[in-house]
Amino acid sequence: MLFWSNTKNQSCPVTTRPSGAWRYQKIVYSLMFDCVQDTLKTFPRNDKKLGGVAGFTAILHTHSRMLEYHPHIHVIMPGASINMLTGLWRKKTGYLFNHKALAKVFRAKMLEALVDQGLKLPGDCPEKWVVDCKNVGNGNKAIIYLGKYLYRGVLQEKDILRSEDGMVTFRYQHAKSGKYRIKTVSGEKFLYLLMLHVLPKGFRRTRSYGILHPCSKKLIKFLQIVLRVNQLRMFASKQKKRPVITCPICGAEMKIIRTRISLPLVA
């Protein structure tokens, strides 16, 4: 599995400043997805060991750990591809793609797409962007990690420590040290930071491509059968056990063998 993110060491004003990308959110975010798709569809086809059609899931994030505006896309991608003509499944272990080559191609596609849309590029846009490429094994932890972002929002309630005298204090985990740090801002600033990450109405922040596209259900089912994929394996350790039901008379453990739903009352 590949965990891929188009984070950058240096900030490009076109894609990180609220006055730039935020003003044209729907256009810029859509272009980011399109360029990621073009890049990651090209590399597997041209790769000597893969040479086929791959699949991947992309998730848009717009915030940093400090809630600052930092749009980027995370991608989870199997280290394998399939030949659509022969049905041959080919795998690649270890280092999947060169991260410098990915960054160079993505940057070129993204800047060209912005120009084609009539958006003006800033003069101080960095010449080098950084793509972070990691091998995450079977991908279970990466899927669970990214899945949490889809439901808990940009900041968990437990991380808001205080709200006093018009000031809000929250904590965040530092990326390099892994330790929690504290930040205090005014209530207006706090609301501003949250509103920066409200997506345009109807915009989908999670998209799948290639063999993982929703239109490839038959192919996905075929691969699950051939590769003997247990879809519930990654959630086995996360599932909570059902509380034990004991018999009120003898105290023995009881099992649910049948449930019945009451019929609606007819007026």
C-alpha atoms as a PDB file:
ATOM      1  CA  MET A   1       0.000   0.000   0.000  1.00  0.00           C
ATOM      2  CA  LEU A   2       1.084   3.561  -0.636  1.00  0.00           C
ATOM      3  CA  PHE A   3       0.273   6.564   1.486  1.00  0.00           C
ATOM      4  CA  TRP A   4       0.719   9.657  -0.636  1.00  0.00           C
ATOM      5  CA  SER A   5       0.283  13.336   0.137  1.00  0.00           C
ATOM      6  CA  ASN A   6       1.084  16.454  -1.844  1.00  0.00           C
ATOM      7  CA  THR A   7       2.295  18.428   1.158  1.00  0.00           C
ATOM      8  CA  LYS A   8       4.962  21.017   0.491  1.00  0.00           C
ATOM      9  CA  ASN A   9       7.948  22.169   2.576  1.00  0.00           C
ATOM     10  CA  GLN A  10       7.518  25.672   1.215  1.00  0.00           C
ATOM     11  CA  SER A  11       4.103  27.268   0.945  1.00  0.00           C
ATOM     12  CA  CYS A  12       2.894  28.169  -2.519  1.00  0.00           C
ATOM     13  CA  PRO A  13       0.655  31.274  -2.264  1.00  0.00           C
ATOM     14  CA  VAL A  14      -1.631  29.997  -5.014  1.00  0.00           C
ATOM     15  CA  THR A  15      -2.664  26.942  -3.038  1.00  0.00           C
ATOM     16  CA  THR A  16      -2.237  28.003   0.597  1.00  0.00           C
ATOM     17  CA  ARG A  17      -3.300  31.630   1.050  1.00  0.00           C
ATOM     18  CA  PRO A  18      -6.991  32.243   1.760  1.00  0.00           C
ATOM     19  CA  SER A  19      -6.862  35.232  -0.608  1.00  0.00           C
ATOM     20  CA  GLY A  20      -5.821  32.902  -3.448  1.00  0.00           C
ATOM     21  CA  ALA A  21      -7.085  29.334  -3.406  1.00  0.00           C
ATOM     22  CA  TRP A  22      -9.836  30.019  -0.868  1.00  0.00           C
ATOM     23  CA  ARG A  23     -11.407  32.627  -3.120  1.00  0.00           C
ATOM     24  CA  TYR A  24     -11.725  30.027  -5.901  1.00  0.00           C
ATOM     25  CA  GLN A  25     -12.170  26.939  -3.736  1.00  0.00           C
ATOM     26  CA  LYS A  26     -14.324  24.848  -6.033  1.00  0.00           C
ATOM     27  CA  ILE A  27     -12.060  25.442  -9.030  1.00  0.00           C
ATOM     28  CA  VAL A  28      -8.767  24.897  -7.200  1.00  0.00           C
ATOM     29  CA  TYR A  29      -9.902  21.828  -5.261  1.00  0.00           C
ATOM     30  CA  SER A  30     -11.315  20.241  -8.405  1.00  0.00           C
ATOM     31  CA  LEU A  31      -8.067  20.916 -10.257  1.00  0.00           C
ATOM     32  CA  MET A  32      -6.102  19.321  -7.413  1.00  0.00           C
ATOM     33  CA  PHE A  33      -8.159  16.138  -7.721  1.00  0.00           C
ATOM     34  CA  ASP A  34      -7.812  16.154 -11.520  1.00  0.00           C
ATOM     35  CA  CYS A  35      -4.036  16.592 -11.405  1.00  0.00           C
ATOM     36  CA  VAL A  36      -3.591  13.908  -8.747  1.00  0.00           C
ATOM     37  CA  GLN A  37      -5.716  11.580 -10.881  1.00  0.00           C
ATOM     38  CA  ASP A  38      -3.705  12.275 -14.050  1.00  0.00           C
ATOM     39  CA  THR A  39      -0.410  11.830 -12.234  1.00  0.00           C
ATOM     40  CA  LEU A  40      -1.247   8.579 -10.463  1.00  0.00           C
ATOM     41  CA  LYS A  41      -2.850   7.021 -13.534  1.00  0.00           C
ATOM     42  CA  THR A  42       0.224   7.736 -15.654  1.00  0.00           C
ATOM     43  CA  PHE A  43       2.888   6.365 -13.298  1.00  0.00           C
ATOM     44  CA  PRO A  44       1.498   2.784 -13.009  1.00  0.00           C
ATOM     45  CA  ARG A  45       1.042   2.513 -16.792  1.00  0.00           C
ATOM     46  CA  ASN A  46       4.645   3.555 -17.411  1.00  0.00           C
ATOM     47  CA  ASP A  47       6.127   1.497 -14.579  1.00  0.00           C
ATOM     48  CA  LYS A  48       8.049  -1.606 -15.729  1.00  0.00           C
ATOM     49  CA  LYS A  49       6.833  -3.808 -12.855  1.00  0.00           C
ATOM     50  CA  LEU A  50       3.202  -2.655 -12.887  1.00  0.00           C
ATOM     51  CA  GLY A  51       2.387  -1.691 -16.457  1.00  0.00           C
ATOM     52  CA  GLY A  52      -1.355  -1.657 -15.954  1.00  0.00           C
ATOM     53  CA  VAL A  53      -4.357   0.089 -14.436  1.00  0.00           C
ATOM     54  CA  ALA A  54      -4.131   0.875 -10.718  1.00  0.00           C
ATOM     55  CA  GLY A  55      -6.669   2.210  -8.252  1.00  0.00           C
ATOM     56  CA  PHE A  56      -6.514   4.739  -5.457  1.00  0.00           C
ATOM     57  CA  THR A  57      -8.651   6.785  -3.083  1.00  0.00           C
ATOM     58  CA  ALA A  58      -7.993  10.508  -2.580  1.00  0.00           C
ATOM     59  CA  ILE A  59      -9.100  12.586   0.412  1.00  0.00           C
ATOM     60  CA  LEU A  60      -8.972  16.387   0.496  1.00  0.00           C
ATOM     61  CA  HIS A  61      -7.761  18.126   3.644  1.00  0.00           C
ATOM     62  CA  THR A  62      -7.749  21.910   3.897  1.00  0.00           C
ATOM     63  CA  HIS A  63      -6.171  22.446   7.313  1.00  0.00           C
ATOM     64  CA  SER A  64      -2.916  22.019   9.136  1.00  0.00           C
ATOM     65  CA  ARG A  65      -2.736  20.798  12.720  1.00  0.00           C
ATOM     66  CA  MET A  66      -2.904  24.434  13.866  1.00  0.00           C
ATOM     67  CA  LEU A  67      -6.111  24.937  11.823  1.00  0.00           C
ATOM     68  CA  GLU A  68      -4.307  27.154   9.320  1.00  0.00           C
ATOM     69  CA  TYR A  69      -5.348  27.049   5.673  1.00  0.00           C
ATOM     70  CA  HIS A  70      -3.283  24.363   3.962  1.00  0.00           C
ATOM     71  CA  PRO A  71      -5.177  22.453   1.223  1.00  0.00           C
ATOM     72  CA  HIS A  72      -3.587  19.126   0.331  1.00  0.00           C
ATOM     73  CA  ILE A  73      -4.661  15.676  -0.770  1.00  0.00           C
ATOM     74  CA  HIS A  74      -3.910  12.335   0.867  1.00  0.00           C
ATOM     75  CA  VAL A  75      -3.988   9.217  -1.282  1.00  0.00           C
ATOM     76  CA  ILE A  76      -4.140   5.537  -0.368  1.00  0.00           C
ATOM     77  CA  MET A  77      -3.022   3.338  -3.246  1.00  0.00           C
ATOM     78  CA  PRO A  78      -2.435  -0.432  -3.503  1.00  0.00           C
ATOM     79  CA  GLY A  79       1.007  -1.365  -4.763  1.00  0.00           C
ATOM     80  CA  ALA A  80      -0.465  -3.351  -7.640  1.00  0.00           C
ATOM     81  CA  SER A  81      -2.196  -3.032 -11.006  1.00  0.00           C
ATOM     82  CA  ILE A  82      -4.240  -5.135 -13.387  1.00  0.00           C
ATOM     83  CA  ASN A  83      -3.975  -5.623 -17.135  1.00  0.00           C
ATOM     84  CA  MET A  84      -7.484  -4.991 -18.412  1.00  0.00           C
ATOM     85  CA  LEU A  85      -6.909  -7.167 -21.492  1.00  0.00           C
ATOM     86  CA  THR A  86      -5.356 -10.266 -19.907  1.00  0.00           C
ATOM     87  CA  GLY A  87      -6.609  -9.898 -16.308  1.00  0.00           C
ATOM     88  CA  LEU A  88      -3.029 -10.272 -15.061  1.00  0.00           C
ATOM     89  CA  TRP A  89      -2.561  -8.924 -11.512  1.00  0.00           C
ATOM     90  CA  ARG A  90       0.918  -7.535 -10.896  1.00  0.00           C
ATOM     91  CA  LYS A  91       2.332  -6.414  -7.543  1.00  0.00           C
ATOM     92  CA  LYS A  92       5.209  -4.180  -6.544  1.00  0.00           C
ATOM     93  CA  THR A  93       6.733  -4.224  -3.077  1.00  0.00           C
ATOM     94  CA  GLY A  94       8.761  -1.600  -1.263  1.00  0.00           C
ATOM     95  CA  TYR A  95       9.287   1.766  -2.905  1.00  0.00           C
ATOM     96  CA  LEU A  96       6.405   2.333  -5.296  1.00  0.00           C
ATOM     97  CA  PHE A  97       7.226   5.583  -7.145  1.00  0.00           C
ATOM     98  CA  ASN A  98       9.972   8.175  -6.938  1.00  0.00           C
ATOM     99  CA  HIS A  99       8.638  11.007  -4.772  1.00  0.00           C
ATOM    100  CA  LYS A 100      10.704  13.662  -6.558  1.00  0.00           C
ATOM    101  CA  ALA A 101       9.297  12.601  -9.928  1.00  0.00           C
ATOM    102  CA  LEU A 102       5.755  12.649  -8.519  1.00  0.00           C
ATOM    103  CA  ALA A 103       6.258  16.157  -7.143  1.00  0.00           C
ATOM    104  CA  LYS A 104       7.698  17.446 -10.416  1.00  0.00           C
ATOM    105  CA  VAL A 105       4.887  16.026 -12.557  1.00  0.00           C
ATOM    106  CA  PHE A 106       2.115  17.084 -10.170  1.00  0.00           C
ATOM    107  CA  ARG A 107       3.479  20.622  -9.890  1.00  0.00           C
ATOM    108  CA  ALA A 108       3.667  21.025 -13.663  1.00  0.00           C
ATOM    109  CA  LYS A 109       0.127  19.720 -14.175  1.00  0.00           C
ATOM    110  CA  MET A 110      -1.304  21.837 -11.352  1.00  0.00           C
ATOM    111  CA  LEU A 111       0.273  25.112 -12.452  1.00  0.00           C
ATOM    112  CA  GLU A 112      -0.728  24.513 -16.072  1.00  0.00           C
ATOM    113  CA  ALA A 113      -4.302  23.791 -15.005  1.00  0.00           C
ATOM    114  CA  LEU A 114      -4.456  26.992 -12.943  1.00  0.00           C
ATOM    115  CA  VAL A 115      -3.246  29.057 -15.892  1.00  0.00           C
ATOM    116  CA  ASP A 116      -5.778  27.388 -18.195  1.00  0.00           C
ATOM    117  CA  GLN A 117      -8.522  28.474 -15.791  1.00  0.00           C
ATOM    118  CA  GLY A 118      -7.350  32.075 -16.034  1.00  0.00           C
ATOM    119  CA  LEU A 119      -5.965  32.245 -12.482  1.00  0.00           C
ATOM    120  CA  LYS A 120      -2.884  34.401 -12.022  1.00  0.00           C
ATOM    121  CA  LEU A 121       0.158  32.679 -10.511  1.00  0.00           C
ATOM    122  CA  PRO A 122       2.188  34.526  -7.844  1.00  0.00           C
ATOM    123  CA  GLY A 123       5.755  35.488  -8.565  1.00  0.00           C
ATOM    124  CA  ASP A 124       7.132  33.774  -5.444  1.00  0.00           C
ATOM    125  CA  CYS A 125       5.752  30.306  -6.170  1.00  0.00           C
ATOM    126  CA  PRO A 126       8.455  27.747  -5.139  1.00  0.00           C
ATOM    127  CA  GLU A 127      10.208  25.878  -7.934  1.00  0.00           C
ATOM    128  CA  LYS A 128      10.205  22.633  -5.927  1.00  0.00           C
ATOM    129  CA  TRP A 129       7.244  20.971  -4.242  1.00  0.00           C
ATOM    130  CA  VAL A 130       7.520  18.004  -1.904  1.00  0.00           C
ATOM    131  CA  VAL A 131       5.475  14.815  -2.147  1.00  0.00           C
ATOM    132  CA  ASP A 132       5.580  12.578   0.916  1.00  0.00           C
ATOM    133  CA  CYS A 133       5.571   8.903  -0.086  1.00  0.00           C
ATOM    134  CA  LYS A 134       5.334   6.131   2.515  1.00  0.00           C
ATOM    135  CA  ASN A 135       4.864   2.388   2.471  1.00  0.00           C
ATOM    136  CA  VAL A 136       2.130   1.630   5.031  1.00  0.00           C
ATOM    137  CA  GLY A 137       2.025  -2.154   4.781  1.00  0.00           C
ATOM    138  CA  ASN A 138      -1.483  -3.497   4.252  1.00  0.00           C
ATOM    139  CA  GLY A 139      -2.894   0.002   4.692  1.00  0.00           C
ATOM    140  CA  ASN A 140      -5.234  -0.756   7.597  1.00  0.00           C
ATOM    141  CA  LYS A 141      -3.848   1.932   9.908  1.00  0.00           C
ATOM    142  CA  ALA A 142      -3.760   4.543   7.135  1.00  0.00           C
ATOM    143  CA  ILE A 143      -7.394   3.877   6.201  1.00  0.00           C
ATOM    144  CA  ILE A 144      -8.543   4.143   9.813  1.00  0.00           C
ATOM    145  CA  TYR A 145      -6.439   7.276  10.368  1.00  0.00           C
ATOM    146  CA  LEU A 146      -7.843   9.087   7.338  1.00  0.00           C
ATOM    147  CA  GLY A 147     -11.352   7.781   7.962  1.00  0.00           C
ATOM    148  CA  LYS A 148     -11.497   9.615  11.291  1.00  0.00           C
ATOM    149  CA  TYR A 149     -10.977  12.953   9.554  1.00  0.00           C
ATOM    150  CA  LEU A 150     -14.144  12.454   7.517  1.00  0.00           C
ATOM    151  CA  TYR A 151     -16.388  12.418  10.574  1.00  0.00           C
ATOM    152  CA  ARG A 152     -14.781  14.369  13.399  1.00  0.00           C
ATOM    153  CA  GLY A 153     -14.242  17.667  11.569  1.00  0.00           C
ATOM    154  CA  VAL A 154     -11.159  19.860  11.750  1.00  0.00           C
ATOM    155  CA  LEU A 155     -11.000  19.887  15.561  1.00  0.00           C
ATOM    156  CA  GLN A 156     -12.297  17.499  18.182  1.00  0.00           C
ATOM    157  CA  GLU A 157     -14.347  18.914  21.026  1.00  0.00           C
ATOM    158  CA  LYS A 158     -11.969  17.434  23.605  1.00  0.00           C
ATOM    159  CA  ASP A 159      -9.127  19.520  22.128  1.00  0.00           C
ATOM    160  CA  ILE A 160     -10.923  22.794  22.958  1.00  0.00           C
ATOM    161  CA  LEU A 161      -9.541  23.434  26.430  1.00  0.00           C
ATOM    162  CA  ARG A 162     -11.004  26.795  27.463  1.00  0.00           C
ATOM    163  CA  SER A 163     -13.318  29.572  26.296  1.00  0.00           C
ATOM    164  CA  GLU A 164     -12.983  32.544  28.643  1.00  0.00           C
ATOM    165  CA  ASP A 165     -13.145  36.324  28.275  1.00  0.00           C
ATOM    166  CA  GLY A 166     -13.612  36.131  24.529  1.00  0.00           C
ATOM    167  CA  MET A 167     -10.512  33.936  24.068  1.00  0.00           C
ATOM    168  CA  VAL A 168     -10.440  30.294  22.979  1.00  0.00           C
ATOM    169  CA  THR A 169      -7.622  27.901  23.885  1.00  0.00           C
ATOM    170  CA  PHE A 170      -7.160  24.659  21.995  1.00  0.00           C
ATOM    171  CA  ARG A 171      -4.463  22.055  21.679  1.00  0.00           C
ATOM    172  CA  TYR A 172      -2.927  20.354  18.667  1.00  0.00           C
ATOM    173  CA  GLN A 173      -0.336  17.653  18.162  1.00  0.00           C
ATOM    174  CA  HIS A 174       2.951  18.812  16.693  1.00  0.00           C
ATOM    175  CA  ALA A 175       3.801  16.878  13.523  1.00  0.00           C
ATOM    176  CA  LYS A 176       7.508  16.291  14.235  1.00  0.00           C
ATOM    177  CA  SER A 177       7.662  15.936  18.027  1.00  0.00           C
ATOM    178  CA  GLY A 178       4.281  14.222  18.447  1.00  0.00           C
ATOM    179  CA  LYS A 179       3.697  16.309  21.583  1.00  0.00           C
ATOM    180  CA  TYR A 180       0.644  18.463  22.245  1.00  0.00           C
ATOM    181  CA  ARG A 181       0.987  22.229  22.030  1.00  0.00           C
ATOM    182  CA  ILE A 182      -1.387  24.958  23.192  1.00  0.00           C
ATOM    183  CA  LYS A 183      -2.679  27.888  21.143  1.00  0.00           C
ATOM    184  CA  THR A 184      -4.936  30.733  22.309  1.00  0.00           C
ATOM    185  CA  VAL A 185      -6.789  33.008  19.893  1.00  0.00           C
ATOM    186  CA  SER A 186      -9.721  35.375  20.083  1.00  0.00           C
ATOM    187  CA  GLY A 187     -13.204  33.997  19.599  1.00  0.00           C
ATOM    188  CA  GLU A 188     -13.502  35.786  16.261  1.00  0.00           C
ATOM    189  CA  LYS A 189     -10.176  34.341  15.090  1.00  0.00           C
ATOM    190  CA  PHE A 190     -11.217  30.861  16.197  1.00  0.00           C
ATOM    191  CA  LEU A 191     -14.459  31.040  14.211  1.00  0.00           C
ATOM    192  CA  TYR A 192     -12.504  32.404  11.244  1.00  0.00           C
ATOM    193  CA  LEU A 193     -10.128  29.413  11.364  1.00  0.00           C
ATOM    194  CA  LEU A 194     -13.055  26.998  11.409  1.00  0.00           C
ATOM    195  CA  MET A 195     -14.913  28.714   8.569  1.00  0.00           C
ATOM    196  CA  LEU A 196     -11.828  28.509   6.351  1.00  0.00           C
ATOM    197  CA  HIS A 197     -12.410  24.777   6.085  1.00  0.00           C
ATOM    198  CA  VAL A 198     -16.098  24.716   5.184  1.00  0.00           C
ATOM    199  CA  LEU A 199     -16.180  23.157   1.720  1.00  0.00           C
ATOM    200  CA  PRO A 200     -18.325  24.503  -1.127  1.00  0.00           C
ATOM    201  CA  LYS A 201     -21.868  23.130  -1.095  1.00  0.00           C
ATOM    202  CA  GLY A 202     -22.075  19.661  -2.628  1.00  0.00           C
ATOM    203  CA  PHE A 203     -18.302  19.247  -2.992  1.00  0.00           C
ATOM    204  CA  ARG A 204     -17.089  15.670  -2.459  1.00  0.00           C
ATOM    205  CA  ARG A 205     -13.866  15.513  -0.447  1.00  0.00           C
ATOM    206  CA  THR A 206     -13.331  11.774  -0.997  1.00  0.00           C
ATOM    207  CA  ARG A 207     -12.997  10.264  -4.471  1.00  0.00           C
ATOM    208  CA  SER A 208     -11.872   6.920  -5.853  1.00  0.00           C
ATOM    209  CA  TYR A 209     -10.276   6.310  -9.223  1.00  0.00           C
ATOM    210  CA  GLY A 210      -9.133   3.496 -11.498  1.00  0.00           C
ATOM    211  CA  ILE A 211     -10.078  -0.002 -10.404  1.00  0.00           C
ATOM    212  CA  LEU A 212     -11.474   1.434  -7.143  1.00  0.00           C
ATOM    213  CA  HIS A 213     -13.940   3.708  -8.924  1.00  0.00           C
ATOM    214  CA  PRO A 214     -17.586   3.066  -7.925  1.00  0.00           C
ATOM    215  CA  CYS A 215     -18.340   2.068 -11.539  1.00  0.00           C
ATOM    216  CA  SER A 216     -15.854  -0.832 -11.213  1.00  0.00           C
ATOM    217  CA  LYS A 217     -17.974  -2.859  -8.776  1.00  0.00           C
ATOM    218  CA  LYS A 218     -17.773  -6.060 -10.847  1.00  0.00           C
ATOM    219  CA  LEU A 219     -13.999  -5.781 -11.151  1.00  0.00           C
ATOM    220  CA  ILE A 220     -13.635  -5.069  -7.435  1.00  0.00           C
ATOM    221  CA  LYS A 221     -15.763  -8.102  -6.578  1.00  0.00           C
ATOM    222  CA  PHE A 222     -13.686 -10.233  -8.961  1.00  0.00           C
ATOM    223  CA  LEU A 223     -10.438  -9.112  -7.289  1.00  0.00           C
ATOM    224  CA  GLN A 224     -11.858  -9.694  -3.800  1.00  0.00           C
ATOM    225  CA  ILE A 225     -12.724 -13.281  -4.720  1.00  0.00           C
ATOM    226  CA  VAL A 226      -9.475 -14.060  -6.545  1.00  0.00           C
ATOM    227  CA  LEU A 227      -7.265 -12.414  -3.903  1.00  0.00           C
ATOM    228  CA  ARG A 228      -9.412 -13.749  -1.019  1.00  0.00           C
ATOM    229  CA  VAL A 229      -9.860 -10.342   0.571  1.00  0.00           C
ATOM    230  CA  ASN A 230     -11.517 -10.209   3.990  1.00  0.00           C
ATOM    231  CA  GLN A 231     -13.217  -6.818   3.929  1.00  0.00           C
ATOM    232  CA  LEU A 232     -13.936  -6.781   7.670  1.00  0.00           C
ATOM    233  CA  ARG A 233     -10.438  -7.745   8.782  1.00  0.00           C
ATOM    234  CA  MET A 234      -9.245  -4.200   9.474  1.00  0.00           C
ATOM    235  CA  PHE A 235     -12.256  -3.455  11.658  1.00  0.00           C
ATOM    236  CA  ALA A 236     -12.083  -6.638  13.726  1.00  0.00           C
ATOM    237  CA  SER A 237      -9.928  -5.084  16.440  1.00  0.00           C
ATOM    238  CA  LYS A 238     -11.991  -1.878  16.487  1.00  0.00           C
ATOM    239  CA  GLN A 239     -15.394  -3.473  16.955  1.00  0.00           C
ATOM    240  CA  LYS A 240     -16.846  -3.297  20.441  1.00  0.00           C
ATOM    241  CA  LYS A 241     -18.141  -6.524  21.894  1.00  0.00           C
ATOM    242  CA  ARG A 242     -21.867  -6.717  22.493  1.00  0.00           C
ATOM    243  CA  PRO A 243     -22.705  -6.584  26.230  1.00  0.00           C
ATOM    244  CA  VAL A 244     -23.502  -9.987  27.673  1.00  0.00           C
ATOM    245  CA  ILE A 245     -27.210 -10.632  28.256  1.00  0.00           C
ATOM    246  CA  THR A 246     -27.860 -12.868  31.268  1.00  0.00           C
ATOM    247  CA  CYS A 247     -30.952 -14.815  32.132  1.00  0.00           C
ATOM    248  CA  PRO A 248     -32.815 -13.124  35.019  1.00  0.00           C
ATOM    249  CA  ILE A 249     -33.719 -16.537  36.455  1.00  0.00           C
ATOM    250  CA  CYS A 250     -30.598 -18.753  36.218  1.00  0.00           C
ATOM    251  CA  GLY A 251     -27.933 -16.131  35.455  1.00  0.00           C
ATOM    252  CA  ALA A 252     -26.623 -17.978  32.392  1.00  0.00           C
ATOM    253  CA  GLU A 253     -25.471 -16.109  29.289  1.00  0.00           C
ATOM    254  CA  MET A 254     -28.191 -15.702  26.684  1.00  0.00           C
ATOM    255  CA  LYS A 255     -27.855 -15.569  22.875  1.00  0.00           C
ATOM    256  CA  ILE A 256     -30.036 -13.655  20.430  1.00  0.00           C
ATOM    257  CA  ILE A 257     -31.384 -16.168  17.932  1.00  0.00           C
ATOM    258  CA  ARG A 258     -34.203 -14.125  16.415  1.00  0.00           C
ATOM    259  CA  THR A 259     -35.443 -10.544  16.387  1.00  0.00           C
ATOM    260  CA  ARG A 260     -38.903  -9.265  15.528  1.00  0.00           C
ATOM    261  CA  ILE A 261     -39.933  -5.837  14.339  1.00  0.00           C
ATOM    262  CA  SER A 262     -43.398  -4.782  15.415  1.00  0.00           C
ATOM    263  CA  LEU A 263     -45.859  -4.060  12.617  1.00  0.00           C
ATOM    264  CA  PRO A 264     -46.995  -0.414  12.311  1.00  0.00           C
ATOM    265  CA  LEU A 265     -50.371   0.406  13.746  1.00  0.00           C
ATOM    266  CA  VAL A 266     -53.099   0.753  11.139  1.00  0.00           C
ATOM    267  CA  ALA A 267     -55.290   3.824  11.612  1.00  0.00           C
END
